[in-house]
Amino acid sequence: SLRLSCAASGRTWSIYALGWFRQAPGEERQFVAAINWYG
C-alpha cells in the first residue's frame, strides 16, 4: 500500500473538484479517481 497526498495552495477557494491521473512510460495519461471538493 501507499498513500499519495496532493496539497493545494493559491486560489483554493476556486477549486470545485480534484482528480488523480497516472501515466506509465509510453502510454497516455489516464484517469484514476476524482472527488468533489464540497460534497
Full PDB file with SEQRES, HELIX, SHEET, SSBOND, CRYST1, ORIGX, SCALE, CONECT and MASTER records, all heavy atoms in Angstrom:
SEQRES   1 A   39  SER LEU ARG LEU SER CYS ALA ALA SER GLY ARG THR TRP          
SEQRES   2 A   39  SER ILE TYR ALA LEU GLY TRP PHE ARG GLN ALA PRO GLY          
SEQRES   3 A   39  GLU GLU ARG GLN PHE VAL ALA ALA ILE ASN TRP TYR GLY          
HELIX    1 AA1 THR A   12  SER A   14  5                                   3    
SHEET    1 AA1 2 ALA A  17  ARG A  22  0                                        
SHEET    2 AA1 2 GLN A  30  ASN A  36 -1                                        
CRYST1    1.000    1.000    1.000  90.00  90.00  90.00 P 1           1          
ORIGX1      1.000000  0.000000  0.000000        0.00000                         
ORIGX2      0.000000  1.000000  0.000000        0.00000                         
ORIGX3      0.000000  0.000000  1.000000        0.00000                         
SCALE1      1.000000  0.000000  0.000000        0.00000                         
SCALE2      0.000000  1.000000  0.000000        0.00000                         
SCALE3      0.000000  0.000000  1.000000        0.00000                         
ATOM      1  N   SER A   1       0.832  -1.203   0.000  1.00  0.00           N  
ATOM      2  CA  SER A   1       0.000   0.000   0.000  1.00  0.00           C  
ATOM      3  C   SER A   1       0.866   1.252   0.000  1.00  0.00           C  
ATOM      4  O   SER A   1       2.007   1.232   0.482  1.00  0.00           O  
ATOM      5  CB  SER A   1      -0.902   0.029   1.240  1.00  0.00           C  
ATOM      6  OG  SER A   1      -1.786  -1.075   1.267  1.00  0.00           O  
ATOM      7  N   LEU A   2       0.311   2.310  -0.544  1.00  0.00           N  
ATOM      8  CA  LEU A   2       0.903   3.643  -0.475  1.00  0.00           C  
ATOM      9  C   LEU A   2      -0.229   4.652  -0.335  1.00  0.00           C  
ATOM     10  O   LEU A   2      -1.343   4.403  -0.810  1.00  0.00           O  
ATOM     11  CB  LEU A   2       1.690   3.968  -1.746  1.00  0.00           C  
ATOM     12  CG  LEU A   2       3.090   3.407  -1.927  1.00  0.00           C  
ATOM     13  CD1 LEU A   2       3.615   3.776  -3.307  1.00  0.00           C  
ATOM     14  CD2 LEU A   2       4.035   3.913  -0.850  1.00  0.00           C  
ATOM     15  N   ARG A   3       0.068   5.792   0.286  1.00  0.00           N  
ATOM     16  CA  ARG A   3      -0.889   6.885   0.317  1.00  0.00           C  
ATOM     17  C   ARG A   3      -0.250   8.122  -0.291  1.00  0.00           C  
ATOM     18  O   ARG A   3       0.767   8.606   0.208  1.00  0.00           O  
ATOM     19  CB  ARG A   3      -1.353   7.200   1.742  1.00  0.00           C  
ATOM     20  CG  ARG A   3      -2.506   8.207   1.746  1.00  0.00           C  
ATOM     21  CD  ARG A   3      -3.039   8.506   3.121  1.00  0.00           C  
ATOM     22  NE  ARG A   3      -2.216   9.456   3.841  1.00  0.00           N  
ATOM     23  CZ  ARG A   3      -2.660  10.226   4.829  1.00  0.00           C  
ATOM     24  NH1 ARG A   3      -3.938  10.152   5.194  1.00  0.00           N  
ATOM     25  NH2 ARG A   3      -1.841  11.058   5.449  1.00  0.00           N  
ATOM     26  N   LEU A   4      -0.856   8.587  -1.361  1.00  0.00           N  
ATOM     27  CA  LEU A   4      -0.394   9.817  -2.004  1.00  0.00           C  
ATOM     28  C   LEU A   4      -1.147  11.007  -1.437  1.00  0.00           C  
ATOM     29  O   LEU A   4      -2.316  10.895  -1.082  1.00  0.00           O  
ATOM     30  CB  LEU A   4      -0.628   9.746  -3.516  1.00  0.00           C  
ATOM     31  CG  LEU A   4      -0.026   8.553  -4.254  1.00  0.00           C  
ATOM     32  CD1 LEU A   4      -0.277   8.692  -5.753  1.00  0.00           C  
ATOM     33  CD2 LEU A   4       1.449   8.399  -3.959  1.00  0.00           C  
ATOM     34  N   SER A   5      -0.455  12.140  -1.376  1.00  0.00           N  
ATOM     35  CA  SER A   5      -1.068  13.392  -0.936  1.00  0.00           C  
ATOM     36  C   SER A   5      -0.913  14.437  -2.025  1.00  0.00           C  
ATOM     37  O   SER A   5       0.068  14.433  -2.767  1.00  0.00           O  
ATOM     38  CB  SER A   5      -0.394  13.901   0.338  1.00  0.00           C  
ATOM     39  OG  SER A   5      -0.524  12.978   1.394  1.00  0.00           O  
ATOM     40  N   CYS A   6      -1.881  15.326  -2.097  1.00  0.00           N  
ATOM     41  CA  CYS A   6      -1.836  16.451  -3.025  1.00  0.00           C  
ATOM     42  C   CYS A   6      -2.224  17.697  -2.241  1.00  0.00           C  
ATOM     43  O   CYS A   6      -3.394  17.839  -1.843  1.00  0.00           O  
ATOM     44  CB  CYS A   6      -2.781  16.238  -4.190  1.00  0.00           C  
ATOM     45  SG  CYS A   6      -2.956  17.684  -5.281  1.00  0.00           S  
ATOM     46  N   ALA A   7      -1.251  18.568  -2.004  1.00  0.00           N  
ATOM     47  CA  ALA A   7      -1.501  19.791  -1.260  1.00  0.00           C  
ATOM     48  C   ALA A   7      -1.761  20.942  -2.217  1.00  0.00           C  
ATOM     49  O   ALA A   7      -0.948  21.197  -3.121  1.00  0.00           O  
ATOM     50  CB  ALA A   7      -0.299  20.107  -0.369  1.00  0.00           C  
ATOM     51  N   ALA A   8      -2.877  21.621  -2.017  1.00  0.00           N  
ATOM     52  CA  ALA A   8      -3.255  22.748  -2.868  1.00  0.00           C  
ATOM     53  C   ALA A   8      -2.964  24.059  -2.162  1.00  0.00           C  
ATOM     54  O   ALA A   8      -3.132  24.177  -0.948  1.00  0.00           O  
ATOM     55  CB  ALA A   8      -4.735  22.665  -3.222  1.00  0.00           C  
ATOM     56  N   SER A   9      -2.535  25.046  -2.946  1.00  0.00           N  
ATOM     57  CA  SER A   9      -2.308  26.389  -2.413  1.00  0.00           C  
ATOM     58  C   SER A   9      -2.705  27.407  -3.472  1.00  0.00           C  
ATOM     59  O   SER A   9      -3.002  27.054  -4.610  1.00  0.00           O  
ATOM     60  CB  SER A   9      -0.845  26.569  -1.987  1.00  0.00           C  
ATOM     61  OG  SER A   9       0.010  26.399  -3.099  1.00  0.00           O  
ATOM     62  N   GLY A  10      -2.661  28.663  -3.095  1.00  0.00           N  
ATOM     63  CA  GLY A  10      -3.090  29.713  -4.015  1.00  0.00           C  
ATOM     64  C   GLY A  10      -4.576  29.941  -3.891  1.00  0.00           C  
ATOM     65  O   GLY A  10      -5.107  30.038  -2.787  1.00  0.00           O  
ATOM     66  N   ARG A  11      -5.290  29.998  -5.002  1.00  0.00           N  
ATOM     67  CA  ARG A  11      -6.719  30.288  -5.024  1.00  0.00           C  
ATOM     68  C   ARG A  11      -7.541  29.032  -4.753  1.00  0.00           C  
ATOM     69  O   ARG A  11      -8.366  28.595  -5.548  1.00  0.00           O  
ATOM     70  CB  ARG A  11      -7.102  30.899  -6.363  1.00  0.00           C  
ATOM     71  CG  ARG A  11      -6.383  32.219  -6.649  1.00  0.00           C  
ATOM     72  CD  ARG A  11      -6.717  32.769  -8.007  1.00  0.00           C  
ATOM     73  NE  ARG A  11      -8.134  33.120  -8.129  1.00  0.00           N  
ATOM     74  CZ  ARG A  11      -8.676  33.629  -9.223  1.00  0.00           C  
ATOM     75  NH1 ARG A  11      -7.917  33.833 -10.299  1.00  0.00           N  
ATOM     76  NH2 ARG A  11      -9.960  33.908  -9.266  1.00  0.00           N  
ATOM     77  N   THR A  12      -7.326  28.465  -3.575  1.00  0.00           N  
ATOM     78  CA  THR A  12      -8.001  27.210  -3.253  1.00  0.00           C  
ATOM     79  C   THR A  12      -9.516  27.372  -3.152  1.00  0.00           C  
ATOM     80  O   THR A  12     -10.252  26.414  -3.313  1.00  0.00           O  
ATOM     81  CB  THR A  12      -7.449  26.622  -1.947  1.00  0.00           C  
ATOM     82  OG1 THR A  12      -7.599  27.602  -0.908  1.00  0.00           O  
ATOM     83  CG2 THR A  12      -5.984  26.258  -2.088  1.00  0.00           C  
ATOM     84  N   TRP A  13      -9.958  28.578  -2.886  1.00  0.00           N  
ATOM     85  CA  TRP A  13     -11.401  28.813  -2.791  1.00  0.00           C  
ATOM     86  C   TRP A  13     -12.098  28.562  -4.122  1.00  0.00           C  
ATOM     87  O   TRP A  13     -13.316  28.371  -4.180  1.00  0.00           O  
ATOM     88  CB  TRP A  13     -11.671  30.251  -2.341  1.00  0.00           C  
ATOM     89  CG  TRP A  13     -11.013  31.288  -3.201  1.00  0.00           C  
ATOM     90  CD1 TRP A  13      -9.809  31.888  -2.975  1.00  0.00           C  
ATOM     91  CD2 TRP A  13     -11.497  31.837  -4.435  1.00  0.00           C  
ATOM     92  NE1 TRP A  13      -9.514  32.761  -3.987  1.00  0.00           N  
ATOM     93  CE2 TRP A  13     -10.529  32.759  -4.890  1.00  0.00           C  
ATOM     94  CE3 TRP A  13     -12.650  31.642  -5.187  1.00  0.00           C  
ATOM     95  CZ2 TRP A  13     -10.697  33.480  -6.073  1.00  0.00           C  
ATOM     96  CZ3 TRP A  13     -12.816  32.362  -6.362  1.00  0.00           C  
ATOM     97  CH2 TRP A  13     -11.838  33.260  -6.790  1.00  0.00           C  
ATOM     98  N   SER A  14     -11.316  28.573  -5.217  1.00  0.00           N  
ATOM     99  CA  SER A  14     -11.902  28.387  -6.541  1.00  0.00           C  
ATOM    100  C   SER A  14     -12.004  26.926  -6.962  1.00  0.00           C  
ATOM    101  O   SER A  14     -12.583  26.613  -8.001  1.00  0.00           O  
ATOM    102  CB  SER A  14     -11.062  29.134  -7.589  1.00  0.00           C  
ATOM    103  OG  SER A  14      -9.781  28.525  -7.727  1.00  0.00           O  
ATOM    104  N   ILE A  15     -11.468  26.028  -6.140  1.00  0.00           N  
ATOM    105  CA  ILE A  15     -11.469  24.606  -6.510  1.00  0.00           C  
ATOM    106  C   ILE A  15     -12.877  24.018  -6.378  1.00  0.00           C  
ATOM    107  O   ILE A  15     -13.522  24.193  -5.349  1.00  0.00           O  
ATOM    108  CB  ILE A  15     -10.494  23.813  -5.634  1.00  0.00           C  
ATOM    109  CG1 ILE A  15      -9.055  24.282  -5.888  1.00  0.00           C  
ATOM    110  CG2 ILE A  15     -10.615  22.312  -5.914  1.00  0.00           C  
ATOM    111  CD1 ILE A  15      -8.042  23.662  -4.943  1.00  0.00           C  
ATOM    112  N   TYR A  16     -13.320  23.313  -7.408  1.00  0.00           N  
ATOM    113  CA  TYR A  16     -14.584  22.594  -7.340  1.00  0.00           C  
ATOM    114  C   TYR A  16     -14.359  21.082  -7.215  1.00  0.00           C  
ATOM    115  O   TYR A  16     -15.100  20.393  -6.535  1.00  0.00           O  
ATOM    116  CB  TYR A  16     -15.456  22.868  -8.567  1.00  0.00           C  
ATOM    117  CG  TYR A  16     -16.834  22.277  -8.431  1.00  0.00           C  
ATOM    118  CD1 TYR A  16     -17.824  22.936  -7.712  1.00  0.00           C  
ATOM    119  CD2 TYR A  16     -17.143  21.034  -8.995  1.00  0.00           C  
ATOM    120  CE1 TYR A  16     -19.085  22.382  -7.550  1.00  0.00           C  
ATOM    121  CE2 TYR A  16     -18.396  20.476  -8.837  1.00  0.00           C  
ATOM    122  CZ  TYR A  16     -19.360  21.156  -8.116  1.00  0.00           C  
ATOM    123  OH  TYR A  16     -20.602  20.599  -7.953  1.00  0.00           O  
ATOM    124  N   ALA A  17     -13.343  20.592  -7.860  1.00  0.00           N  
ATOM    125  CA  ALA A  17     -13.049  19.153  -7.796  1.00  0.00           C  
ATOM    126  C   ALA A  17     -11.569  18.915  -8.039  1.00  0.00           C  
ATOM    127  O   ALA A  17     -10.893  19.745  -8.665  1.00  0.00           O  
ATOM    128  CB  ALA A  17     -13.868  18.384  -8.829  1.00  0.00           C  
ATOM    129  N   LEU A  18     -11.085  17.806  -7.519  1.00  0.00           N  
ATOM    130  CA  LEU A  18      -9.701  17.383  -7.758  1.00  0.00           C  
ATOM    131  C   LEU A  18      -9.704  15.957  -8.262  1.00  0.00           C  
ATOM    132  O   LEU A  18     -10.554  15.144  -7.872  1.00  0.00           O  
ATOM    133  CB  LEU A  18      -8.869  17.474  -6.492  1.00  0.00           C  
ATOM    134  CG  LEU A  18      -8.569  18.895  -6.051  1.00  0.00           C  
ATOM    135  CD1 LEU A  18      -9.481  19.284  -4.911  1.00  0.00           C  
ATOM    136  CD2 LEU A  18      -7.110  19.032  -5.648  1.00  0.00           C  
ATOM    137  N   GLY A  19      -8.720  15.662  -9.081  1.00  0.00           N  
ATOM    138  CA  GLY A  19      -8.603  14.319  -9.624  1.00  0.00           C  
ATOM    139  C   GLY A  19      -7.179  13.818  -9.568  1.00  0.00           C  
ATOM    140  O   GLY A  19      -6.235  14.599  -9.420  1.00  0.00           O  
ATOM    141  N   TRP A  20      -7.065  12.509  -9.644  1.00  0.00           N  
ATOM    142  CA  TRP A  20      -5.760  11.856  -9.787  1.00  0.00           C  
ATOM    143  C   TRP A  20      -5.720  11.177 -11.150  1.00  0.00           C  
ATOM    144  O   TRP A  20      -6.679  10.495 -11.541  1.00  0.00           O  
ATOM    145  CB  TRP A  20      -5.549  10.812  -8.697  1.00  0.00           C  
ATOM    146  CG  TRP A  20      -5.231  11.361  -7.351  1.00  0.00           C  
ATOM    147  CD1 TRP A  20      -6.102  11.556  -6.314  1.00  0.00           C  
ATOM    148  CD2 TRP A  20      -3.952  11.769  -6.869  1.00  0.00           C  
ATOM    149  NE1 TRP A  20      -5.436  12.067  -5.230  1.00  0.00           N  
ATOM    150  CE2 TRP A  20      -4.117  12.200  -5.538  1.00  0.00           C  
ATOM    151  CE3 TRP A  20      -2.662  11.805  -7.424  1.00  0.00           C  
ATOM    152  CZ2 TRP A  20      -3.060  12.669  -4.757  1.00  0.00           C  
ATOM    153  CZ3 TRP A  20      -1.614  12.268  -6.651  1.00  0.00           C  
ATOM    154  CH2 TRP A  20      -1.820  12.701  -5.334  1.00  0.00           C  
ATOM    155  N   PHE A  21      -4.601  11.355 -11.838  1.00  0.00           N  
ATOM    156  CA  PHE A  21      -4.334  10.689 -13.108  1.00  0.00           C  
ATOM    157  C   PHE A  21      -2.981   9.997 -12.984  1.00  0.00           C  
ATOM    158  O   PHE A  21      -2.199  10.303 -12.082  1.00  0.00           O  
ATOM    159  CB  PHE A  21      -4.276  11.706 -14.263  1.00  0.00           C  
ATOM    160  CG  PHE A  21      -5.621  12.242 -14.667  1.00  0.00           C  
ATOM    161  CD1 PHE A  21      -6.295  13.159 -13.867  1.00  0.00           C  
ATOM    162  CD2 PHE A  21      -6.216  11.850 -15.849  1.00  0.00           C  
ATOM    163  CE1 PHE A  21      -7.535  13.655 -14.232  1.00  0.00           C  
ATOM    164  CE2 PHE A  21      -7.457  12.347 -16.237  1.00  0.00           C  
ATOM    165  CZ  PHE A  21      -8.110  13.251 -15.419  1.00  0.00           C  
ATOM    166  N   ARG A  22      -2.719   9.084 -13.900  1.00  0.00           N  
ATOM    167  CA  ARG A  22      -1.409   8.435 -13.905  1.00  0.00           C  
ATOM    168  C   ARG A  22      -0.940   8.215 -15.339  1.00  0.00           C  
ATOM    169  O   ARG A  22      -1.764   8.095 -16.266  1.00  0.00           O  
ATOM    170  CB  ARG A  22      -1.430   7.113 -13.141  1.00  0.00           C  
ATOM    171  CG  ARG A  22      -2.306   6.025 -13.762  1.00  0.00           C  
ATOM    172  CD  ARG A  22      -2.377   4.826 -12.821  1.00  0.00           C  
ATOM    173  NE  ARG A  22      -3.154   3.734 -13.400  1.00  0.00           N  
ATOM    174  CZ  ARG A  22      -3.465   2.623 -12.734  1.00  0.00           C  
ATOM    175  NH1 ARG A  22      -3.066   2.469 -11.472  1.00  0.00           N  
ATOM    176  NH2 ARG A  22      -4.183   1.675 -13.334  1.00  0.00           N  
ATOM    177  N   GLN A  23       0.374   8.175 -15.482  1.00  0.00           N  
ATOM    178  CA  GLN A  23       0.958   7.987 -16.811  1.00  0.00           C  
ATOM    179  C   GLN A  23       2.154   7.055 -16.712  1.00  0.00           C  
ATOM    180  O   GLN A  23       3.128   7.366 -16.027  1.00  0.00           O  
ATOM    181  CB  GLN A  23       1.378   9.328 -17.406  1.00  0.00           C  
ATOM    182  CG  GLN A  23       1.823   9.236 -18.852  1.00  0.00           C  
ATOM    183  CD  GLN A  23       1.940  10.612 -19.495  1.00  0.00           C  
ATOM    184  OE1 GLN A  23       2.022  11.637 -18.819  1.00  0.00           O  
ATOM    185  NE2 GLN A  23       1.940  10.639 -20.823  1.00  0.00           N  
ATOM    186  N   ALA A  24       2.035   5.922 -17.382  1.00  0.00           N  
ATOM    187  CA  ALA A  24       3.132   4.974 -17.463  1.00  0.00           C  
ATOM    188  C   ALA A  24       3.972   5.298 -18.700  1.00  0.00           C  
ATOM    189  O   ALA A  24       3.481   5.927 -19.640  1.00  0.00           O  
ATOM    190  CB  ALA A  24       2.588   3.552 -17.550  1.00  0.00           C  
ATOM    191  N   PRO A  25       5.228   4.869 -18.724  1.00  0.00           N  
ATOM    192  CA  PRO A  25       6.097   5.159 -19.880  1.00  0.00           C  
ATOM    193  C   PRO A  25       5.467   4.683 -21.183  1.00  0.00           C  
ATOM    194  O   PRO A  25       5.004   3.546 -21.290  1.00  0.00           O  
ATOM    195  CB  PRO A  25       7.368   4.388 -19.549  1.00  0.00           C  
ATOM    196  CG  PRO A  25       7.385   4.297 -18.070  1.00  0.00           C  
ATOM    197  CD  PRO A  25       5.942   4.150 -17.661  1.00  0.00           C  
ATOM    198  N   GLY A  26       5.443   5.575 -22.176  1.00  0.00           N  
ATOM    199  CA  GLY A  26       4.921   5.213 -23.488  1.00  0.00           C  
ATOM    200  C   GLY A  26       3.417   5.176 -23.595  1.00  0.00           C  
ATOM    201  O   GLY A  26       2.884   4.812 -24.649  1.00  0.00           O  
ATOM    202  N   GLU A  27       2.723   5.547 -22.529  1.00  0.00           N  
ATOM    203  CA  GLU A  27       1.263   5.494 -22.546  1.00  0.00           C  
ATOM    204  C   GLU A  27       0.680   6.877 -22.299  1.00  0.00           C  
ATOM    205  O   GLU A  27       1.359   7.784 -21.825  1.00  0.00           O  
ATOM    206  CB  GLU A  27       0.755   4.517 -21.480  1.00  0.00           C  
ATOM    207  CG  GLU A  27       1.198   3.088 -21.716  1.00  0.00           C  
ATOM    208  CD  GLU A  27       0.565   2.121 -20.729  1.00  0.00           C  
ATOM    209  OE1 GLU A  27      -0.347   2.535 -19.987  1.00  0.00           O  
ATOM    210  OE2 GLU A  27       0.976   0.947 -20.722  1.00  0.00           O  
ATOM    211  N   GLU A  28      -0.605   7.005 -22.622  1.00  0.00           N  
ATOM    212  CA  GLU A  28      -1.286   8.260 -22.370  1.00  0.00           C  
ATOM    213  C   GLU A  28      -1.629   8.394 -20.891  1.00  0.00           C  
ATOM    214  O   GLU A  28      -1.759   7.396 -20.171  1.00  0.00           O  
ATOM    215  CB  GLU A  28      -2.568   8.335 -23.196  1.00  0.00           C  
ATOM    216  CG  GLU A  28      -2.334   8.449 -24.701  1.00  0.00           C  
ATOM    217  CD  GLU A  28      -3.615   8.735 -25.448  1.00  0.00           C  
ATOM    218  OE1 GLU A  28      -4.699   8.721 -24.822  1.00  0.00           O  
ATOM    219  OE2 GLU A  28      -3.534   8.978 -26.666  1.00  0.00           O  
ATOM    220  N   ARG A  29      -1.777   9.636 -20.466  1.00  0.00           N  
ATOM    221  CA  ARG A  29      -2.196   9.880 -19.099  1.00  0.00           C  
ATOM    222  C   ARG A  29      -3.650   9.440 -18.944  1.00  0.00           C  
ATOM    223  O   ARG A  29      -4.510   9.805 -19.749  1.00  0.00           O  
ATOM    224  CB  ARG A  29      -2.044  11.366 -18.771  1.00  0.00           C  
ATOM    225  CG  ARG A  29      -2.127  11.697 -17.313  1.00  0.00           C  
ATOM    226  CD  ARG A  29      -1.711  13.138 -17.057  1.00  0.00           C  
ATOM    227  NE  ARG A  29      -0.324  13.377 -17.439  1.00  0.00           N  
ATOM    228  CZ  ARG A  29       0.309  14.527 -17.183  1.00  0.00           C  
ATOM    229  NH1 ARG A  29      -0.310  15.502 -16.542  1.00  0.00           N  
ATOM    230  NH2 ARG A  29       1.562  14.684 -17.565  1.00  0.00           N  
ATOM    231  N   GLN A  30      -3.901   8.657 -17.900  1.00  0.00           N  
ATOM    232  CA  GLN A  30      -5.237   8.115 -17.732  1.00  0.00           C  
ATOM    233  C   GLN A  30      -5.834   8.473 -16.382  1.00  0.00           C  
ATOM    234  O   GLN A  30      -5.113   8.634 -15.397  1.00  0.00           O  
ATOM    235  CB  GLN A  30      -5.235   6.583 -17.914  1.00  0.00           C  
ATOM    236  CG  GLN A  30      -4.369   5.837 -16.953  1.00  0.00           C  
ATOM    237  CD  GLN A  30      -4.411   4.334 -17.161  1.00  0.00           C  
ATOM    238  OE1 GLN A  30      -4.337   3.562 -16.213  1.00  0.00           O  
ATOM    239  NE2 GLN A  30      -4.549   3.893 -18.401  1.00  0.00           N  
ATOM    240  N   PHE A  31      -7.143   8.546 -16.357  1.00  0.00           N  
ATOM    241  CA  PHE A  31      -7.882   8.895 -15.150  1.00  0.00           C  
ATOM    242  C   PHE A  31      -7.791   7.781 -14.112  1.00  0.00           C  
ATOM    243  O   PHE A  31      -7.841   6.592 -14.449  1.00  0.00           O  
ATOM    244  CB  PHE A  31      -9.340   9.144 -15.523  1.00  0.00           C  
ATOM    245  CG  PHE A  31     -10.272   9.295 -14.357  1.00  0.00           C  
ATOM    246  CD1 PHE A  31     -10.301  10.477 -13.628  1.00  0.00           C  
ATOM    247  CD2 PHE A  31     -11.105   8.261 -13.977  1.00  0.00           C  
ATOM    248  CE1 PHE A  31     -11.157  10.620 -12.550  1.00  0.00           C  
ATOM    249  CE2 PHE A  31     -11.970   8.389 -12.909  1.00  0.00           C  
ATOM    250  CZ  PHE A  31     -11.989   9.569 -12.197  1.00  0.00           C  
ATOM    251  N   VAL A  32      -7.685   8.185 -12.841  1.00  0.00           N  
ATOM    252  CA  VAL A  32      -7.667   7.236 -11.737  1.00  0.00           C  
ATOM    253  C   VAL A  32      -8.877   7.453 -10.818  1.00  0.00           C  
ATOM    254  O   VAL A  32      -9.647   6.525 -10.563  1.00  0.00           O  
ATOM    255  CB  VAL A  32      -6.366   7.338 -10.928  1.00  0.00           C  
ATOM    256  CG1 VAL A  32      -6.408   6.420  -9.715  1.00  0.00           C  
ATOM    257  CG2 VAL A  32      -5.156   7.030 -11.801  1.00  0.00           C  
ATOM    258  N   ALA A  33      -9.018   8.679 -10.316  1.00  0.00           N  
ATOM    259  CA  ALA A  33     -10.099   8.962  -9.368  1.00  0.00           C  
ATOM    260  C   ALA A  33     -10.324  10.465  -9.300  1.00  0.00           C  
ATOM    261  O   ALA A  33      -9.429  11.245  -9.640  1.00  0.00           O  
ATOM    262  CB  ALA A  33      -9.770   8.415  -7.985  1.00  0.00           C  
ATOM    263  N   ALA A  34     -11.511  10.864  -8.853  1.00  0.00           N  
ATOM    264  CA  ALA A  34     -11.828  12.273  -8.679  1.00  0.00           C  
ATOM    265  C   ALA A  34     -12.755  12.447  -7.493  1.00  0.00           C  
ATOM    266  O   ALA A  34     -13.504  11.527  -7.135  1.00  0.00           O  
ATOM    267  CB  ALA A  34     -12.476  12.848  -9.939  1.00  0.00           C  
ATOM    268  N   ILE A  35     -12.707  13.637  -6.887  1.00  0.00           N  
ATOM    269  CA  ILE A  35     -13.545  13.930  -5.741  1.00  0.00           C  
ATOM    270  C   ILE A  35     -14.061  15.355  -5.824  1.00  0.00           C  
ATOM    271  O   ILE A  35     -13.334  16.267  -6.223  1.00  0.00           O  
ATOM    272  CB  ILE A  35     -12.778  13.690  -4.419  1.00  0.00           C  
ATOM    273  CG1 ILE A  35     -13.722  13.795  -3.221  1.00  0.00           C  
ATOM    274  CG2 ILE A  35     -11.601  14.656  -4.280  1.00  0.00           C  
ATOM    275  CD1 ILE A  35     -13.121  13.218  -1.937  1.00  0.00           C  
ATOM    276  N   ASN A  36     -15.325  15.514  -5.486  1.00  0.00           N  
ATOM    277  CA  ASN A  36     -15.938  16.829  -5.400  1.00  0.00           C  
ATOM    278  C   ASN A  36     -15.473  17.491  -4.108  1.00  0.00           C  
ATOM    279  O   ASN A  36     -15.578  16.895  -3.038  1.00  0.00           O  
ATOM    280  CB  ASN A  36     -17.454  16.672  -5.425  1.00  0.00           C  
ATOM    281  CG  ASN A  36     -18.180  17.996  -5.358  1.00  0.00           C  
ATOM    282  OD1 ASN A  36     -18.113  18.719  -4.358  1.00  0.00           O  
ATOM    283  ND2 ASN A  36     -18.876  18.329  -6.420  1.00  0.00           N  
ATOM    284  N   TRP A  37     -14.929  18.682  -4.226  1.00  0.00           N  
ATOM    285  CA  TRP A  37     -14.299  19.337  -3.076  1.00  0.00           C  
ATOM    286  C   TRP A  37     -15.297  19.626  -1.966  1.00  0.00           C  
ATOM    287  O   TRP A  37     -14.930  19.634  -0.785  1.00  0.00           O  
ATOM    288  CB  TRP A  37     -13.647  20.623  -3.554  1.00  0.00           C  
ATOM    289  CG  TRP A  37     -12.746  21.290  -2.565  1.00  0.00           C  
ATOM    290  CD1 TRP A  37     -12.882  22.535  -2.036  1.00  0.00           C  
ATOM    291  CD2 TRP A  37     -11.554  20.745  -1.987  1.00  0.00           C  
ATOM    292  NE1 TRP A  37     -11.857  22.789  -1.165  1.00  0.00           N  
ATOM    293  CE2 TRP A  37     -11.023  21.717  -1.116  1.00  0.00           C  
ATOM    294  CE3 TRP A  37     -10.903  19.522  -2.112  1.00  0.00           C  
ATOM    295  CZ2 TRP A  37      -9.864  21.510  -0.390  1.00  0.00           C  
ATOM    296  CZ3 TRP A  37      -9.737  19.325  -1.384  1.00  0.00           C  
ATOM    297  CH2 TRP A  37      -9.237  20.307  -0.540  1.00  0.00           C  
ATOM    298  N   TYR A  38     -16.562  19.864  -2.284  1.00  0.00           N  
ATOM    299  CA  TYR A  38     -17.534  20.253  -1.281  1.00  0.00           C  
ATOM    300  C   TYR A  38     -18.398  19.089  -0.811  1.00  0.00           C  
ATOM    301  O   TYR A  38     -18.488  18.815   0.378  1.00  0.00           O  
ATOM    302  CB  TYR A  38     -18.397  21.387  -1.832  1.00  0.00           C  
ATOM    303  CG  TYR A  38     -17.572  22.606  -2.106  1.00  0.00           C  
ATOM    304  CD1 TYR A  38     -17.170  22.917  -3.394  1.00  0.00           C  
ATOM    305  CD2 TYR A  38     -17.154  23.433  -1.071  1.00  0.00           C  
ATOM    306  CE1 TYR A  38     -16.376  24.022  -3.641  1.00  0.00           C  
ATOM    307  CE2 TYR A  38     -16.366  24.546  -1.309  1.00  0.00           C  
ATOM    308  CZ  TYR A  38     -15.975  24.824  -2.601  1.00  0.00           C  
ATOM    309  OH  TYR A  38     -15.184  25.902  -2.844  1.00  0.00           O  
ATOM    310  N   GLY A  39     -19.004  18.378  -1.732  1.00  0.00           N  
ATOM    311  CA  GLY A  39     -19.898  17.297  -1.347  1.00  0.00           C  
ATOM    312  C   GLY A  39     -19.216  15.984  -1.094  1.00  0.00           C  
ATOM    313  O   GLY A  39     -19.770  15.106  -0.432  1.00  0.00           O  
TER     314      GLY A  39                                                      
MASTER        0    0    0    1    2    0    0    6  313    1    0    3          
END                                                                             
